[in-house]
Amino acid sequence: MTNSLISIQIIPKTKNGESVIPYVDEAIRVIQESGVKFEVHPLETTMEGDLQQLLQVITKMNERMIEMGSSNVISQIKVLYQPSGISMDQLTEKYR
């Protein structure tokens, strides 16, 4: 059941101050491969799904940043947990 929305901004520490864009692209690829519904926005990406599943995706994103050579990662997240169900469309329908 879709009971959560999580927005994440991932900030990997890069070697020698190189661009984070390839890292962010890879983090989004991890989300894509997970199969969860998501939307990319300029400052964060929002995912929709089961809370535990989404937290696992975040774990994989962080692990992938380290595999790519980042020494540490800051993940700023916002979580909306609603056991009765929630979707991005429900929250934004009046704006579309």
PDB file of N, CA and C in Angstrom:
ATOM      1  N   MET A   1       0.839  -1.182   0.000  1.00  0.00           N
ATOM      2  CA  MET A   1       0.000   0.000   0.000  1.00  0.00           C
ATOM      3  C   MET A   1       0.881   1.242   0.000  1.00  0.00           C
ATOM      4  N   THR A   2       0.449   2.236  -0.710  1.00  0.00           N
ATOM      5  CA  THR A   2       1.141   3.515  -0.719  1.00  0.00           C
ATOM      6  C   THR A   2       0.723   4.287   0.513  1.00  0.00           C
ATOM      7  N   ASN A   3       1.604   4.262   1.530  1.00  0.00           N
ATOM      8  CA  ASN A   3       1.275   4.942   2.780  1.00  0.00           C
ATOM      9  C   ASN A   3       2.239   6.072   3.101  1.00  0.00           C
ATOM     10  N   SER A   4       3.160   6.343   2.159  1.00  0.00           N
ATOM     11  CA  SER A   4       4.169   7.355   2.468  1.00  0.00           C
ATOM     12  C   SER A   4       4.630   8.110   1.233  1.00  0.00           C
ATOM     13  N   LEU A   5       5.016   9.336   1.484  1.00  0.00           N
ATOM     14  CA  LEU A   5       5.744  10.145   0.520  1.00  0.00           C
ATOM     15  C   LEU A   5       7.045  10.533   1.207  1.00  0.00           C
ATOM     16  N   ILE A   6       8.147  10.382   0.491  1.00  0.00           N
ATOM     17  CA  ILE A   6       9.434  10.820   1.015  1.00  0.00           C
ATOM     18  C   ILE A   6      10.099  11.683  -0.039  1.00  0.00           C
ATOM     19  N   SER A   7      10.493  12.879   0.361  1.00  0.00           N
ATOM     20  CA  SER A   7      11.293  13.745  -0.489  1.00  0.00           C
ATOM     21  C   SER A   7      12.718  13.682   0.021  1.00  0.00           C
ATOM     22  N   ILE A   8      13.664  13.534  -0.908  1.00  0.00           N
ATOM     23  CA  ILE A   8      15.068  13.419  -0.520  1.00  0.00           C
ATOM     24  C   ILE A   8      15.931  14.338  -1.359  1.00  0.00           C
ATOM     25  N   GLN A   9      16.858  14.979  -0.686  1.00  0.00           N
ATOM     26  CA  GLN A   9      17.942  15.713  -1.326  1.00  0.00           C
ATOM     27  C   GLN A   9      19.207  15.034  -0.844  1.00  0.00           C
ATOM     28  N   ILE A  10      19.972  14.474  -1.774  1.00  0.00           N
ATOM     29  CA  ILE A  10      21.177  13.753  -1.406  1.00  0.00           C
ATOM     30  C   ILE A  10      22.383  14.618  -1.746  1.00  0.00           C
ATOM     31  N   ILE A  11      23.299  14.742  -0.780  1.00  0.00           N
ATOM     32  CA  ILE A  11      24.461  15.618  -0.936  1.00  0.00           C
ATOM     33  C   ILE A  11      25.718  14.802  -0.623  1.00  0.00           C
ATOM     34  N   PRO A  12      26.314  14.199  -1.647  1.00  0.00           N
ATOM     35  CA  PRO A  12      27.529  13.415  -1.411  1.00  0.00           C
ATOM     36  C   PRO A  12      28.758  14.316  -1.344  1.00  0.00           C
ATOM     37  N   LYS A  13      29.704  13.955  -0.478  1.00  0.00           N
ATOM     38  CA  LYS A  13      30.981  14.655  -0.460  1.00  0.00           C
ATOM     39  C   LYS A  13      31.832  14.041  -1.566  1.00  0.00           C
ATOM     40  N   THR A  14      32.279  14.870  -2.496  1.00  0.00           N
ATOM     41  CA  THR A  14      33.028  14.368  -3.644  1.00  0.00           C
ATOM     42  C   THR A  14      34.528  14.556  -3.437  1.00  0.00           C
ATOM     43  N   LYS A  15      35.295  13.779  -4.182  1.00  0.00           N
ATOM     44  CA  LYS A  15      36.748  13.897  -4.144  1.00  0.00           C
ATOM     45  C   LYS A  15      37.153  15.230  -4.764  1.00  0.00           C
ATOM     46  N   ASN A  16      38.028  15.931  -4.128  1.00  0.00           N
ATOM     47  CA  ASN A  16      38.609  17.159  -4.676  1.00  0.00           C
ATOM     48  C   ASN A  16      37.569  18.175  -5.146  1.00  0.00           C
ATOM     49  N   GLY A  17      36.386  18.165  -4.544  1.00  0.00           N
ATOM     50  CA  GLY A  17      35.368  19.153  -4.874  1.00  0.00           C
ATOM     51  C   GLY A  17      34.765  19.029  -6.262  1.00  0.00           C
ATOM     52  N   GLU A  18      34.830  17.827  -6.853  1.00  0.00           N
ATOM     53  CA  GLU A  18      34.262  17.648  -8.192  1.00  0.00           C
ATOM     54  C   GLU A  18      32.746  17.799  -8.153  1.00  0.00           C
ATOM     55  N   SER A  19      32.144  17.925  -9.309  1.00  0.00           N
ATOM     56  CA  SER A  19      30.696  18.117  -9.433  1.00  0.00           C
ATOM     57  C   SER A  19      29.926  16.946  -8.816  1.00  0.00           C
ATOM     58  N   VAL A  20      28.815  17.272  -8.164  1.00  0.00           N
ATOM     59  CA  VAL A  20      27.963  16.230  -7.590  1.00  0.00           C
ATOM     60  C   VAL A  20      26.949  15.698  -8.601  1.00  0.00           C
ATOM     61  N   ILE A  21      26.829  16.338  -9.766  1.00  0.00           N
ATOM     62  CA  ILE A  21      25.797  15.959 -10.738  1.00  0.00           C
ATOM     63  C   ILE A  21      25.865  14.481 -11.124  1.00  0.00           C
ATOM     64  N   PRO A  22      27.017  13.902 -11.433  1.00  0.00           N
ATOM     65  CA  PRO A  22      27.031  12.471 -11.751  1.00  0.00           C
ATOM     66  C   PRO A  22      26.553  11.599 -10.582  1.00  0.00           C
ATOM     67  N   TYR A  23      26.815  12.044  -9.373  1.00  0.00           N
ATOM     68  CA  TYR A  23      26.363  11.308  -8.191  1.00  0.00           C
ATOM     69  C   TYR A  23      24.846  11.404  -8.056  1.00  0.00           C
ATOM     70  N   VAL A  24      24.318  12.593  -8.238  1.00  0.00           N
ATOM     71  CA  VAL A  24      22.864  12.787  -8.153  1.00  0.00           C
ATOM     72  C   VAL A  24      22.168  11.982  -9.255  1.00  0.00           C
ATOM     73  N   ASP A  25      22.733  12.000 -10.461  1.00  0.00           N
ATOM     74  CA  ASP A  25      22.165  11.198 -11.548  1.00  0.00           C
ATOM     75  C   ASP A  25      22.122   9.721 -11.175  1.00  0.00           C
ATOM     76  N   GLU A  26      23.173   9.249 -10.538  1.00  0.00           N
ATOM     77  CA  GLU A  26      23.228   7.844 -10.125  1.00  0.00           C
ATOM     78  C   GLU A  26      22.220   7.568  -9.010  1.00  0.00           C
ATOM     79  N   ALA A  27      22.051   8.505  -8.090  1.00  0.00           N
ATOM     80  CA  ALA A  27      21.062   8.337  -7.020  1.00  0.00           C
ATOM     81  C   ALA A  27      19.661   8.224  -7.614  1.00  0.00           C
ATOM     82  N   ILE A  28      19.380   9.037  -8.621  1.00  0.00           N
ATOM     83  CA  ILE A  28      18.068   8.966  -9.286  1.00  0.00           C
ATOM     84  C   ILE A  28      17.914   7.645 -10.028  1.00  0.00           C
ATOM     85  N   ARG A  29      19.013   7.131 -10.604  1.00  0.00           N
ATOM     86  CA  ARG A  29      18.963   5.832 -11.260  1.00  0.00           C
ATOM     87  C   ARG A  29      18.596   4.725 -10.261  1.00  0.00           C
ATOM     88  N   VAL A  30      19.127   4.818  -9.044  1.00  0.00           N
ATOM     89  CA  VAL A  30      18.774   3.845  -7.998  1.00  0.00           C
ATOM     90  C   VAL A  30      17.272   3.888  -7.732  1.00  0.00           C
ATOM     91  N   ILE A  31      16.709   5.085  -7.682  1.00  0.00           N
ATOM     92  CA  ILE A  31      15.261   5.218  -7.483  1.00  0.00           C
ATOM     93  C   ILE A  31      14.515   4.596  -8.660  1.00  0.00           C
ATOM     94  N   GLN A  32      14.937   4.916  -9.875  1.00  0.00           N
ATOM     95  CA  GLN A  32      14.283   4.365 -11.070  1.00  0.00           C
ATOM     96  C   GLN A  32      14.272   2.840 -11.039  1.00  0.00           C
ATOM     97  N   GLU A  33      15.407   2.253 -10.700  1.00  0.00           N
ATOM     98  CA  GLU A  33      15.520   0.793 -10.681  1.00  0.00           C
ATOM     99  C   GLU A  33      14.670   0.155  -9.592  1.00  0.00           C
ATOM    100  N   SER A  34      14.321   0.918  -8.563  1.00  0.00           N
ATOM    101  CA  SER A  34      13.518   0.366  -7.467  1.00  0.00           C
ATOM    102  C   SER A  34      12.075   0.107  -7.889  1.00  0.00           C
ATOM    103  N   GLY A  35      11.622   0.834  -8.917  1.00  0.00           N
ATOM    104  CA  GLY A  35      10.250   0.668  -9.385  1.00  0.00           C
ATOM    105  C   GLY A  35       9.222   1.507  -8.661  1.00  0.00           C
ATOM    106  N   VAL A  36       9.634   2.322  -7.684  1.00  0.00           N
ATOM    107  CA  VAL A  36       8.659   3.161  -6.988  1.00  0.00           C
ATOM    108  C   VAL A  36       8.302   4.355  -7.858  1.00  0.00           C
ATOM    109  N   LYS A  37       7.122   4.897  -7.634  1.00  0.00           N
ATOM    110  CA  LYS A  37       6.713   6.112  -8.333  1.00  0.00           C
ATOM    111  C   LYS A  37       7.525   7.270  -7.756  1.00  0.00           C
ATOM    112  N   PHE A  38       7.996   8.159  -8.647  1.00  0.00           N
ATOM    113  CA  PHE A  38       8.787   9.282  -8.177  1.00  0.00           C
ATOM    114  C   PHE A  38       8.675  10.450  -9.135  1.00  0.00           C
ATOM    115  N   GLU A  39       9.017  11.628  -8.630  1.00  0.00           N
ATOM    116  CA  GLU A  39       9.097  12.845  -9.435  1.00  0.00           C
ATOM    117  C   GLU A  39      10.374  13.574  -9.048  1.00  0.00           C
ATOM    118  N   VAL A  40      11.140  13.980 -10.058  1.00  0.00           N
ATOM    119  CA  VAL A  40      12.351  14.758  -9.833  1.00  0.00           C
ATOM    120  C   VAL A  40      11.987  16.239  -9.881  1.00  0.00           C
ATOM    121  N   HIS A  41      12.438  16.963  -8.884  1.00  0.00           N
ATOM    122  CA  HIS A  41      12.234  18.411  -8.799  1.00  0.00           C
ATOM    123  C   HIS A  41      13.600  19.084  -8.718  1.00  0.00           C
ATOM    124  N   PRO A  42      13.694  20.383  -8.869  1.00  0.00           N
ATOM    125  CA  PRO A  42      14.994  21.038  -8.906  1.00  0.00           C
ATOM    126  C   PRO A  42      15.871  20.814  -7.673  1.00  0.00           C
ATOM    127  N   LEU A  43      15.281  20.739  -6.494  1.00  0.00           N
ATOM    128  CA  LEU A  43      16.076  20.640  -5.273  1.00  0.00           C
ATOM    129  C   LEU A  43      15.921  19.326  -4.526  1.00  0.00           C
ATOM    130  N   GLU A  44      15.014  18.466  -4.977  1.00  0.00           N
ATOM    131  CA  GLU A  44      14.786  17.186  -4.303  1.00  0.00           C
ATOM    132  C   GLU A  44      13.979  16.281  -5.213  1.00  0.00           C
ATOM    133  N   THR A  45      13.933  15.030  -4.847  1.00  0.00           N
ATOM    134  CA  THR A  45      13.130  14.049  -5.566  1.00  0.00           C
ATOM    135  C   THR A  45      12.130  13.466  -4.574  1.00  0.00           C
ATOM    136  N   THR A  46      10.876  13.338  -4.995  1.00  0.00           N
ATOM    137  CA  THR A  46       9.832  12.789  -4.140  1.00  0.00           C
ATOM    138  C   THR A  46       9.461  11.398  -4.617  1.00  0.00           C
ATOM    139  N   MET A  47       9.412  10.466  -3.665  1.00  0.00           N
ATOM    140  CA  MET A  47       9.038   9.075  -3.937  1.00  0.00           C
ATOM    141  C   MET A  47       7.722   8.766  -3.240  1.00  0.00           C
ATOM    142  N   GLU A  48       7.005   7.812  -3.791  1.00  0.00           N
ATOM    143  CA  GLU A  48       5.708   7.402  -3.250  1.00  0.00           C
ATOM    144  C   GLU A  48       5.710   5.889  -3.092  1.00  0.00           C
ATOM    145  N   GLY A  49       5.269   5.392  -1.930  1.00  0.00           N
ATOM    146  CA  GLY A  49       5.207   3.946  -1.734  1.00  0.00           C
ATOM    147  C   GLY A  49       5.054   3.566  -0.278  1.00  0.00           C
ATOM    148  N   ASP A  50       5.411   2.342   0.013  1.00  0.00           N
ATOM    149  CA  ASP A  50       5.407   1.822   1.378  1.00  0.00           C
ATOM    150  C   ASP A  50       6.617   2.385   2.120  1.00  0.00           C
ATOM    151  N   LEU A  51       6.431   2.827   3.350  1.00  0.00           N
ATOM    152  CA  LEU A  51       7.490   3.468   4.111  1.00  0.00           C
ATOM    153  C   LEU A  51       8.763   2.627   4.158  1.00  0.00           C
ATOM    154  N   GLN A  52       8.642   1.357   4.498  1.00  0.00           N
ATOM    155  CA  GLN A  52       9.834   0.507   4.603  1.00  0.00           C
ATOM    156  C   GLN A  52      10.549   0.376   3.268  1.00  0.00           C
ATOM    157  N   GLN A  53       9.790   0.242   2.194  1.00  0.00           N
ATOM    158  CA  GLN A  53      10.376   0.133   0.860  1.00  0.00           C
ATOM    159  C   GLN A  53      11.147   1.412   0.513  1.00  0.00           C
ATOM    160  N   LEU A  54      10.568   2.559   0.808  1.00  0.00           N
ATOM    161  CA  LEU A  54      11.221   3.827   0.492  1.00  0.00           C
ATOM    162  C   LEU A  54      12.484   4.025   1.315  1.00  0.00           C
ATOM    163  N   LEU A  55      12.459   3.612   2.565  1.00  0.00           N
ATOM    164  CA  LEU A  55      13.655   3.713   3.400  1.00  0.00           C
ATOM    165  C   LEU A  55      14.768   2.800   2.872  1.00  0.00           C
ATOM    166  N   GLN A  56      14.396   1.648   2.324  1.00  0.00           N
ATOM    167  CA  GLN A  56      15.387   0.765   1.708  1.00  0.00           C
ATOM    168  C   GLN A  56      16.008   1.421   0.478  1.00  0.00           C
ATOM    169  N   VAL A  57      15.207   2.126  -0.294  1.00  0.00           N
ATOM    170  CA  VAL A  57      15.734   2.843  -1.464  1.00  0.00           C
ATOM    171  C   VAL A  57      16.748   3.888  -1.012  1.00  0.00           C
ATOM    172  N   ILE A  58      16.439   4.620   0.045  1.00  0.00           N
ATOM    173  CA  ILE A  58      17.366   5.626   0.559  1.00  0.00           C
ATOM    174  C   ILE A  58      18.665   4.975   1.014  1.00  0.00           C
ATOM    175  N   THR A  59      18.573   3.842   1.656  1.00  0.00           N
ATOM    176  CA  THR A  59      19.773   3.108   2.070  1.00  0.00           C
ATOM    177  C   THR A  59      20.624   2.754   0.856  1.00  0.00           C
ATOM    178  N   LYS A  60      20.001   2.241  -0.197  1.00  0.00           N
ATOM    179  CA  LYS A  60      20.734   1.884  -1.419  1.00  0.00           C
ATOM    180  C   LYS A  60      21.361   3.109  -2.073  1.00  0.00           C
ATOM    181  N   MET A  61      20.658   4.228  -2.047  1.00  0.00           N
ATOM    182  CA  MET A  61      21.200   5.464  -2.620  1.00  0.00           C
ATOM    183  C   MET A  61      22.481   5.868  -1.892  1.00  0.00           C
ATOM    184  N   ASN A  62      22.435   5.850  -0.575  1.00  0.00           N
ATOM    185  CA  ASN A  62      23.608   6.222   0.219  1.00  0.00           C
ATOM    186  C   ASN A  62      24.763   5.252  -0.004  1.00  0.00           C
ATOM    187  N   GLU A  63      24.462   3.968  -0.038  1.00  0.00           N
ATOM    188  CA  GLU A  63      25.503   2.968  -0.266  1.00  0.00           C
ATOM    189  C   GLU A  63      26.152   3.159  -1.633  1.00  0.00           C
ATOM    190  N   ARG A  64      25.341   3.494  -2.631  1.00  0.00           N
ATOM    191  CA  ARG A  64      25.873   3.686  -3.985  1.00  0.00           C
ATOM    192  C   ARG A  64      26.802   4.905  -4.047  1.00  0.00           C
ATOM    193  N   MET A  65      26.486   5.953  -3.293  1.00  0.00           N
ATOM    194  CA  MET A  65      27.354   7.131  -3.275  1.00  0.00           C
ATOM    195  C   MET A  65      28.742   6.775  -2.735  1.00  0.00           C
ATOM    196  N   ILE A  66      28.772   5.944  -1.699  1.00  0.00           N
ATOM    197  CA  ILE A  66      30.047   5.503  -1.121  1.00  0.00           C
ATOM    198  C   ILE A  66      30.801   4.632  -2.127  1.00  0.00           C
ATOM    199  N   GLU A  67      30.079   3.732  -2.807  1.00  0.00           N
ATOM    200  CA  GLU A  67      30.706   2.886  -3.833  1.00  0.00           C
ATOM    201  C   GLU A  67      31.349   3.737  -4.931  1.00  0.00           C
ATOM    202  N   MET A  68      30.747   4.876  -5.228  1.00  0.00           N
ATOM    203  CA  MET A  68      31.260   5.761  -6.279  1.00  0.00           C
ATOM    204  C   MET A  68      32.455   6.593  -5.814  1.00  0.00           C
ATOM    205  N   GLY A  69      32.767   6.523  -4.529  1.00  0.00           N
ATOM    206  CA  GLY A  69      33.939   7.228  -4.033  1.00  0.00           C
ATOM    207  C   GLY A  69      33.674   8.364  -3.072  1.00  0.00           C
ATOM    208  N   SER A  70      32.425   8.619  -2.763  1.00  0.00           N
ATOM    209  CA  SER A  70      32.113   9.651  -1.788  1.00  0.00           C
ATOM    210  C   SER A  70      32.527   9.166  -0.397  1.00  0.00           C
ATOM    211  N   SER A  71      33.148  10.052   0.377  1.00  0.00           N
ATOM    212  CA  SER A  71      33.560   9.638   1.723  1.00  0.00           C
ATOM    213  C   SER A  71      32.414   9.697   2.724  1.00  0.00           C
ATOM    214  N   ASN A  72      31.417  10.541   2.445  1.00  0.00           N
ATOM    215  CA  ASN A  72      30.221  10.591   3.286  1.00  0.00           C
ATOM    216  C   ASN A  72      29.083  11.224   2.496  1.00  0.00           C
ATOM    217  N   VAL A  73      27.875  11.080   3.022  1.00  0.00           N
ATOM    218  CA  VAL A  73      26.678  11.541   2.316  1.00  0.00           C
ATOM    219  C   VAL A  73      25.719  12.166   3.325  1.00  0.00           C
ATOM    220  N   ILE A  74      25.197  13.317   2.979  1.00  0.00           N
ATOM    221  CA  ILE A  74      24.111  13.915   3.752  1.00  0.00           C
ATOM    222  C   ILE A  74      22.828  13.653   2.965  1.00  0.00           C
ATOM    223  N   SER A  75      21.837  13.085   3.624  1.00  0.00           N
ATOM    224  CA  SER A  75      20.525  12.868   3.011  1.00  0.00           C
ATOM    225  C   SER A  75      19.508  13.663   3.807  1.00  0.00           C
ATOM    226  N   GLN A  76      18.995  14.708   3.202  1.00  0.00           N
ATOM    227  CA  GLN A  76      17.955  15.494   3.843  1.00  0.00           C
ATOM    228  C   GLN A  76      16.623  14.940   3.355  1.00  0.00           C
ATOM    229  N   ILE A  77      15.814  14.450   4.295  1.00  0.00           N
ATOM    230  CA  ILE A  77      14.553  13.836   3.889  1.00  0.00           C
ATOM    231  C   ILE A  77      13.370  14.449   4.638  1.00  0.00           C
ATOM    232  N   LYS A  78      12.241  14.413   3.951  1.00  0.00           N
ATOM    233  CA  LYS A  78      10.952  14.782   4.543  1.00  0.00           C
ATOM    234  C   LYS A  78      10.051  13.571   4.345  1.00  0.00           C
ATOM    235  N   VAL A  79       9.361  13.180   5.377  1.00  0.00           N
ATOM    236  CA  VAL A  79       8.509  11.993   5.322  1.00  0.00           C
ATOM    237  C   VAL A  79       7.080  12.362   5.686  1.00  0.00           C
ATOM    238  N   LEU A  80       6.152  11.948   4.836  1.00  0.00           N
ATOM    239  CA  LEU A  80       4.727  11.993   5.167  1.00  0.00           C
ATOM    240  C   LEU A  80       4.265  10.549   5.250  1.00  0.00           C
ATOM    241  N   TYR A  81       3.894  10.124   6.446  1.00  0.00           N
ATOM    242  CA  TYR A  81       3.411   8.759   6.665  1.00  0.00           C
ATOM    243  C   TYR A  81       1.934   8.837   7.009  1.00  0.00           C
ATOM    244  N   GLN A  82       1.112   8.185   6.215  1.00  0.00           N
ATOM    245  CA  GLN A  82      -0.333   8.191   6.412  1.00  0.00           C
ATOM    246  C   GLN A  82      -0.844   6.775   6.179  1.00  0.00           C
ATOM    247  N   PRO A  83      -1.036   6.002   7.261  1.00  0.00           N
ATOM    248  CA  PRO A  83      -1.414   4.594   7.118  1.00  0.00           C
ATOM    249  C   PRO A  83      -2.645   4.345   6.254  1.00  0.00           C
ATOM    250  N   SER A  84      -3.566   5.309   6.193  1.00  0.00           N
ATOM    251  CA  SER A  84      -4.780   5.112   5.390  1.00  0.00           C
ATOM    252  C   SER A  84      -4.517   5.265   3.894  1.00  0.00           C
ATOM    253  N   GLY A  85      -3.316   5.726   3.538  1.00  0.00           N
ATOM    254  CA  GLY A  85      -2.951   5.876   2.135  1.00  0.00           C
ATOM    255  C   GLY A  85      -2.757   7.330   1.751  1.00  0.00           C
ATOM    256  N   ILE A  86      -1.810   7.558   0.836  1.00  0.00           N
ATOM    257  CA  ILE A  86      -1.518   8.919   0.375  1.00  0.00           C
ATOM    258  C   ILE A  86      -0.822   8.814  -0.977  1.00  0.00           C
ATOM    259  N   SER A  87      -0.992   9.856  -1.794  1.00  0.00           N
ATOM    260  CA  SER A  87      -0.289   9.892  -3.080  1.00  0.00           C
ATOM    261  C   SER A  87       0.111  11.331  -3.392  1.00  0.00           C
ATOM    262  N   MET A  88       1.103  11.464  -4.255  1.00  0.00           N
ATOM    263  CA  MET A  88       1.515  12.801  -4.695  1.00  0.00           C
ATOM    264  C   MET A  88       0.356  13.500  -5.383  1.00  0.00           C
ATOM    265  N   ASP A  89      -0.388  12.748  -6.178  1.00  0.00           N
ATOM    266  CA  ASP A  89      -1.511  13.330  -6.911  1.00  0.00           C
ATOM    267  C   ASP A  89      -2.557  13.919  -5.968  1.00  0.00           C
ATOM    268  N   GLN A  90      -2.820  13.245  -4.854  1.00  0.00           N
ATOM    269  CA  GLN A  90      -3.795  13.757  -3.898  1.00  0.00           C
ATOM    270  C   GLN A  90      -3.376  15.119  -3.353  1.00  0.00           C
ATOM    271  N   LEU A  91      -2.089  15.281  -3.114  1.00  0.00           N
ATOM    272  CA  LEU A  91      -1.613  16.525  -2.517  1.00  0.00           C
ATOM    273  C   LEU A  91      -1.500  17.671  -3.518  1.00  0.00           C
ATOM    274  N   THR A  92      -1.391  17.344  -4.789  1.00  0.00           N
ATOM    275  CA  THR A  92      -1.143  18.386  -5.780  1.00  0.00           C
ATOM    276  C   THR A  92      -2.250  18.555  -6.810  1.00  0.00           C
ATOM    277  N   GLU A  93      -3.312  17.786  -6.715  1.00  0.00           N
ATOM    278  CA  GLU A  93      -4.339  17.799  -7.775  1.00  0.00           C
ATOM    279  C   GLU A  93      -4.940  19.193  -8.016  1.00  0.00           C
ATOM    280  N   LYS A  94      -5.101  20.001  -7.007  1.00  0.00           N
ATOM    281  CA  LYS A  94      -5.709  21.309  -7.220  1.00  0.00           C
ATOM    282  C   LYS A  94      -4.799  22.257  -7.986  1.00  0.00           C
ATOM    283  N   TYR A  95      -3.519  21.903  -8.129  1.00  0.00           N
ATOM    284  CA  TYR A  95      -2.585  22.738  -8.861  1.00  0.00           C
ATOM    285  C   TYR A  95      -2.369  22.272 -10.301  1.00  0.00           C
ATOM    286  N   ARG A  96      -3.001  21.200 -10.682  1.00  0.00           N
ATOM    287  CA  ARG A  96      -2.777  20.639 -12.029  1.00  0.00           C
ATOM    288  C   ARG A  96      -3.965  20.898 -12.916  1.00  0.00           C
TER     289      ARG A  96
END
